[in-house]
Amino acid sequence: MPENNAINDGPEPRPFATWLLEQSGGKTHEELSDALYDLVGRVRDTGKKGSVSLTVTVGPLKGDVGVLIVSDEIKLRLPEHDRKASLFYPDRHGNLTRRDPNQLTFDGLRELDGQTVNIETGEIK
C-alpha cells in the first residue's frame, strides 16, 4: 500500500540532462562539453580557476503560456596565463627606457662577443 507523502505526490520532474540533450538540437550540450574540456585543460595549464556557466531563460510565446520559448547562454571564463612584467626607468622627459638614466656610463667599455672571462683571474679567453 503506497504511503501518502506530500513530497512524493504529483508528477516527477523530467531529468535536466534529458532536456539539455534536446536543447538547440543538442548544440547546447555539445558546446558545454567542449567548454568544460577547454576549461579543465586551461586550469591544468595555468594552475588557476575558471568557470563555465549556463543561463536558461524561459518565456511565453506572445503571452501564450501553452507555448514556451527556451533559450540558453553559455559563458566560459578561462583562467589567463601570467604575463611577464618588464623593468623600465623614466627618463627626464617622462619616457620609459630600459637603461637607468641615473646610472653612470663608461665610454671605454665594450661587449665581448663570443669570448669568456675567467672569474677568478679576470683573464679573457
C-alpha atoms as a PDB file:
ATOM      1  CA  MET A   1       0.000   0.000   0.000  1.00  0.00           C
ATOM      2  CA  PRO A   2       1.626   3.318  -1.066  1.00  0.00           C
ATOM      3  CA  GLU A   3       2.287   5.875   1.611  1.00  0.00           C
ATOM      4  CA  ASN A   4       0.531   9.218   1.352  1.00  0.00           C
ATOM      5  CA  ASN A   5       3.511  11.556   1.441  1.00  0.00           C
ATOM      6  CA  ALA A   6       3.225  15.151   0.158  1.00  0.00           C
ATOM      7  CA  ILE A   7       6.816  15.054  -1.105  1.00  0.00           C
ATOM      8  CA  ASN A   8       6.038  12.131  -3.447  1.00  0.00           C
ATOM      9  CA  ASP A   9       2.643  13.430  -4.627  1.00  0.00           C
ATOM     10  CA  GLY A  10       2.420  14.708  -8.179  1.00  0.00           C
ATOM     11  CA  PRO A  11       4.496  14.138 -11.293  1.00  0.00           C
ATOM     12  CA  GLU A  12       8.237  13.678 -11.211  1.00  0.00           C
ATOM     13  CA  PRO A  13      10.332  16.403 -12.865  1.00  0.00           C
ATOM     14  CA  ARG A  14      11.949  15.444 -16.163  1.00  0.00           C
ATOM     15  CA  PRO A  15      15.728  14.975 -15.786  1.00  0.00           C
ATOM     16  CA  PHE A  16      17.633  18.129 -16.683  1.00  0.00           C
ATOM     17  CA  ALA A  17      20.212  16.092 -18.627  1.00  0.00           C
ATOM     18  CA  THR A  18      17.460  14.796 -20.933  1.00  0.00           C
ATOM     19  CA  TRP A  19      16.282  18.333 -21.672  1.00  0.00           C
ATOM     20  CA  LEU A  20      19.874  19.507 -22.173  1.00  0.00           C
ATOM     21  CA  LEU A  21      20.469  16.865 -24.846  1.00  0.00           C
ATOM     22  CA  GLU A  22      17.454  18.219 -26.784  1.00  0.00           C
ATOM     23  CA  GLN A  23      18.028  21.987 -26.340  1.00  0.00           C
ATOM     24  CA  SER A  24      19.033  23.620 -29.635  1.00  0.00           C
ATOM     25  CA  GLY A  25      19.162  20.241 -31.319  1.00  0.00           C
ATOM     26  CA  GLY A  26      21.902  19.049 -28.933  1.00  0.00           C
ATOM     27  CA  LYS A  27      24.153  22.023 -29.715  1.00  0.00           C
ATOM     28  CA  THR A  28      23.956  23.379 -26.146  1.00  0.00           C
ATOM     29  CA  HIS A  29      25.108  20.047 -24.699  1.00  0.00           C
ATOM     30  CA  GLU A  30      27.927  19.857 -27.237  1.00  0.00           C
ATOM     31  CA  GLU A  31      29.090  23.428 -26.512  1.00  0.00           C
ATOM     32  CA  LEU A  32      29.011  22.811 -22.756  1.00  0.00           C
ATOM     33  CA  SER A  33      31.023  19.614 -23.171  1.00  0.00           C
ATOM     34  CA  ASP A  34      33.636  21.438 -25.275  1.00  0.00           C
ATOM     35  CA  ALA A  35      33.721  24.373 -22.847  1.00  0.00           C
ATOM     36  CA  LEU A  36      34.266  22.098 -19.860  1.00  0.00           C
ATOM     37  CA  TYR A  37      37.041  20.246 -21.688  1.00  0.00           C
ATOM     38  CA  ASP A  38      38.756  23.535 -22.602  1.00  0.00           C
ATOM     39  CA  LEU A  39      38.358  24.827 -19.046  1.00  0.00           C
ATOM     40  CA  VAL A  40      39.925  21.724 -17.484  1.00  0.00           C
ATOM     41  CA  GLY A  41      42.878  21.979 -19.853  1.00  0.00           C
ATOM     42  CA  ARG A  42      43.471  25.655 -19.103  1.00  0.00           C
ATOM     43  CA  VAL A  43      43.146  25.142 -15.329  1.00  0.00           C
ATOM     44  CA  ARG A  44      45.737  22.366 -15.505  1.00  0.00           C
ATOM     45  CA  ASP A  45      47.973  24.568 -17.653  1.00  0.00           C
ATOM     46  CA  THR A  46      47.758  27.727 -15.520  1.00  0.00           C
ATOM     47  CA  GLY A  47      47.029  26.339 -12.047  1.00  0.00           C
ATOM     48  CA  LYS A  48      44.233  28.902 -11.729  1.00  0.00           C
ATOM     49  CA  LYS A  49      40.471  28.517 -11.529  1.00  0.00           C
ATOM     50  CA  GLY A  50      37.914  29.361 -14.189  1.00  0.00           C
ATOM     51  CA  SER A  51      34.226  28.684 -14.776  1.00  0.00           C
ATOM     52  CA  VAL A  52      31.541  27.600 -17.207  1.00  0.00           C
ATOM     53  CA  SER A  53      28.034  28.888 -16.606  1.00  0.00           C
ATOM     54  CA  LEU A  54      24.749  28.116 -18.314  1.00  0.00           C
ATOM     55  CA  THR A  55      21.825  30.513 -18.126  1.00  0.00           C
ATOM     56  CA  VAL A  56      18.451  29.149 -19.203  1.00  0.00           C
ATOM     57  CA  THR A  57      15.684  31.641 -19.979  1.00  0.00           C
ATOM     58  CA  VAL A  58      12.057  30.527 -20.304  1.00  0.00           C
ATOM     59  CA  GLY A  59       9.256  32.783 -21.515  1.00  0.00           C
ATOM     60  CA  PRO A  60       5.822  32.517 -23.111  1.00  0.00           C
ATOM     61  CA  LEU A  61       5.356  32.851 -26.857  1.00  0.00           C
ATOM     62  CA  LYS A  62       3.359  36.078 -27.379  1.00  0.00           C
ATOM     63  CA  GLY A  63       1.743  35.786 -23.952  1.00  0.00           C
ATOM     64  CA  ASP A  64       0.534  32.201 -24.517  1.00  0.00           C
ATOM     65  CA  VAL A  65       1.820  30.119 -21.607  1.00  0.00           C
ATOM     66  CA  GLY A  66       0.892  26.972 -23.555  1.00  0.00           C
ATOM     67  CA  VAL A  67       3.933  27.537 -25.774  1.00  0.00           C
ATOM     68  CA  LEU A  68       7.266  28.414 -24.171  1.00  0.00           C
ATOM     69  CA  ILE A  69      10.440  29.776 -25.716  1.00  0.00           C
ATOM     70  CA  VAL A  70      13.517  28.332 -24.048  1.00  0.00           C
ATOM     71  CA  SER A  71      16.868  29.944 -24.787  1.00  0.00           C
ATOM     72  CA  ASP A  72      20.276  29.485 -23.272  1.00  0.00           C
ATOM     73  CA  GLU A  73      23.540  31.346 -22.869  1.00  0.00           C
ATOM     74  CA  ILE A  74      26.910  29.777 -22.140  1.00  0.00           C
ATOM     75  CA  LYS A  75      29.694  31.833 -20.592  1.00  0.00           C
ATOM     76  CA  LEU A  76      33.207  30.472 -20.364  1.00  0.00           C
ATOM     77  CA  ARG A  77      35.780  32.199 -18.162  1.00  0.00           C
ATOM     78  CA  LEU A  78      39.156  30.647 -18.882  1.00  0.00           C
ATOM     79  CA  PRO A  79      41.994  31.443 -16.486  1.00  0.00           C
ATOM     80  CA  GLU A  80      44.702  33.557 -18.044  1.00  0.00           C
ATOM     81  CA  HIS A  81      48.406  32.846 -18.073  1.00  0.00           C
ATOM     82  CA  ASP A  82      50.531  35.222 -16.030  1.00  0.00           C
ATOM     83  CA  ARG A  83      52.129  37.838 -18.226  1.00  0.00           C
ATOM     84  CA  LYS A  84      55.756  38.708 -17.682  1.00  0.00           C
ATOM     85  CA  ALA A  85      56.486  42.208 -16.475  1.00  0.00           C
ATOM     86  CA  SER A  86      59.446  44.298 -17.596  1.00  0.00           C
ATOM     87  CA  LEU A  87      61.510  46.860 -15.721  1.00  0.00           C
ATOM     88  CA  PHE A  88      61.766  50.345 -17.169  1.00  0.00           C
ATOM     89  CA  TYR A  89      63.063  53.659 -15.927  1.00  0.00           C
ATOM     90  CA  PRO A  90      61.516  57.050 -16.564  1.00  0.00           C
ATOM     91  CA  ASP A  91      63.913  59.468 -18.246  1.00  0.00           C
ATOM     92  CA  ARG A  92      63.946  63.214 -17.568  1.00  0.00           C
ATOM     93  CA  HIS A  93      61.167  63.713 -20.142  1.00  0.00           C
ATOM     94  CA  GLY A  94      58.929  61.050 -18.611  1.00  0.00           C
ATOM     95  CA  ASN A  95      59.557  58.453 -21.333  1.00  0.00           C
ATOM     96  CA  LEU A  96      60.247  54.839 -20.426  1.00  0.00           C
ATOM     97  CA  THR A  97      63.697  53.426 -21.134  1.00  0.00           C
ATOM     98  CA  ARG A  98      65.398  50.127 -20.349  1.00  0.00           C
ATOM     99  CA  ARG A  99      68.565  51.927 -19.217  1.00  0.00           C
ATOM    100  CA  ASP A 100      68.687  53.630 -15.840  1.00  0.00           C
ATOM    101  CA  PRO A 101      69.278  57.323 -16.611  1.00  0.00           C
ATOM    102  CA  ASN A 102      70.884  57.753 -13.169  1.00  0.00           C
ATOM    103  CA  GLN A 103      73.464  55.009 -13.814  1.00  0.00           C
ATOM    104  CA  LEU A 104      76.965  56.163 -14.678  1.00  0.00           C
ATOM    105  CA  THR A 105      78.221  55.192 -18.132  1.00  0.00           C
ATOM    106  CA  PHE A 106      81.730  54.148 -19.049  1.00  0.00           C
ATOM    107  CA  ASP A 107      82.600  55.168 -22.586  1.00  0.00           C
ATOM    108  CA  GLY A 108      85.703  52.976 -22.806  1.00  0.00           C
ATOM    109  CA  LEU A 109      83.856  49.702 -22.122  1.00  0.00           C
ATOM    110  CA  ARG A 110      82.733  47.338 -24.856  1.00  0.00           C
ATOM    111  CA  GLU A 111      80.980  43.968 -25.015  1.00  0.00           C
ATOM    112  CA  LEU A 112      82.968  40.834 -25.674  1.00  0.00           C
ATOM    113  CA  ASP A 113      81.385  38.784 -28.452  1.00  0.00           C
ATOM    114  CA  GLY A 114      81.950  35.038 -28.095  1.00  0.00           C
ATOM    115  CA  GLN A 115      84.680  35.491 -25.505  1.00  0.00           C
ATOM    116  CA  THR A 116      84.639  34.303 -21.941  1.00  0.00           C
ATOM    117  CA  VAL A 117      86.210  35.704 -18.831  1.00  0.00           C
ATOM    118  CA  ASN A 118      87.765  33.597 -16.099  1.00  0.00           C
ATOM    119  CA  ILE A 119      86.018  34.894 -12.988  1.00  0.00           C
ATOM    120  CA  GLU A 120      88.901  34.008 -10.678  1.00  0.00           C
ATOM    121  CA  THR A 121      91.718  35.567 -12.697  1.00  0.00           C
ATOM    122  CA  GLY A 122      89.887  38.090 -14.933  1.00  0.00           C
ATOM    123  CA  GLU A 123      91.635  36.575 -17.961  1.00  0.00           C
ATOM    124  CA  ILE A 124      89.815  36.957 -21.285  1.00  0.00           C
ATOM    125  CA  LYS A 125      89.791  33.763 -23.343  1.00  0.00           C
END
